[in-house]
């Protein structure tokens, strides 16, 4: 059974930082493109950062460039999202996703054939 489990979300003040983690199981993690998506209250889910199977190629939403960093540890079947300089607009549910045979940009742009989604971890940025 393909599964992704996110963790690391929480309540943080503006300007703070978080590191989200997503652990995969049930599939060969290191041949899948992985990504982080977020859904803000009242908005559609959007891709924020995605990485190739090796982690050597990445894609970022323009508004998070310089603040978000995606990385993966294939030995641990885990993908991370380091979020710095958090802003109120970063509030939302953060999901990880995995798909095989798609580029990082293709996954982040909303590929229709995502193989597996996590259930999400909430991030709230508020003073």
Foldseek 3Di string as FASTA:
>chain_A
DWAKAKDWADEAAAQAKIKMKIAIDDDQLLQKKKFKWWDAVPGDIATAKIAGSVRPDMDGDPVQPPFWDWDDDSVRRMIMIIGGRDDQVPWGWMKMFIDGDDHNVCVRHPPPPTPDMHPTDGHGYHD
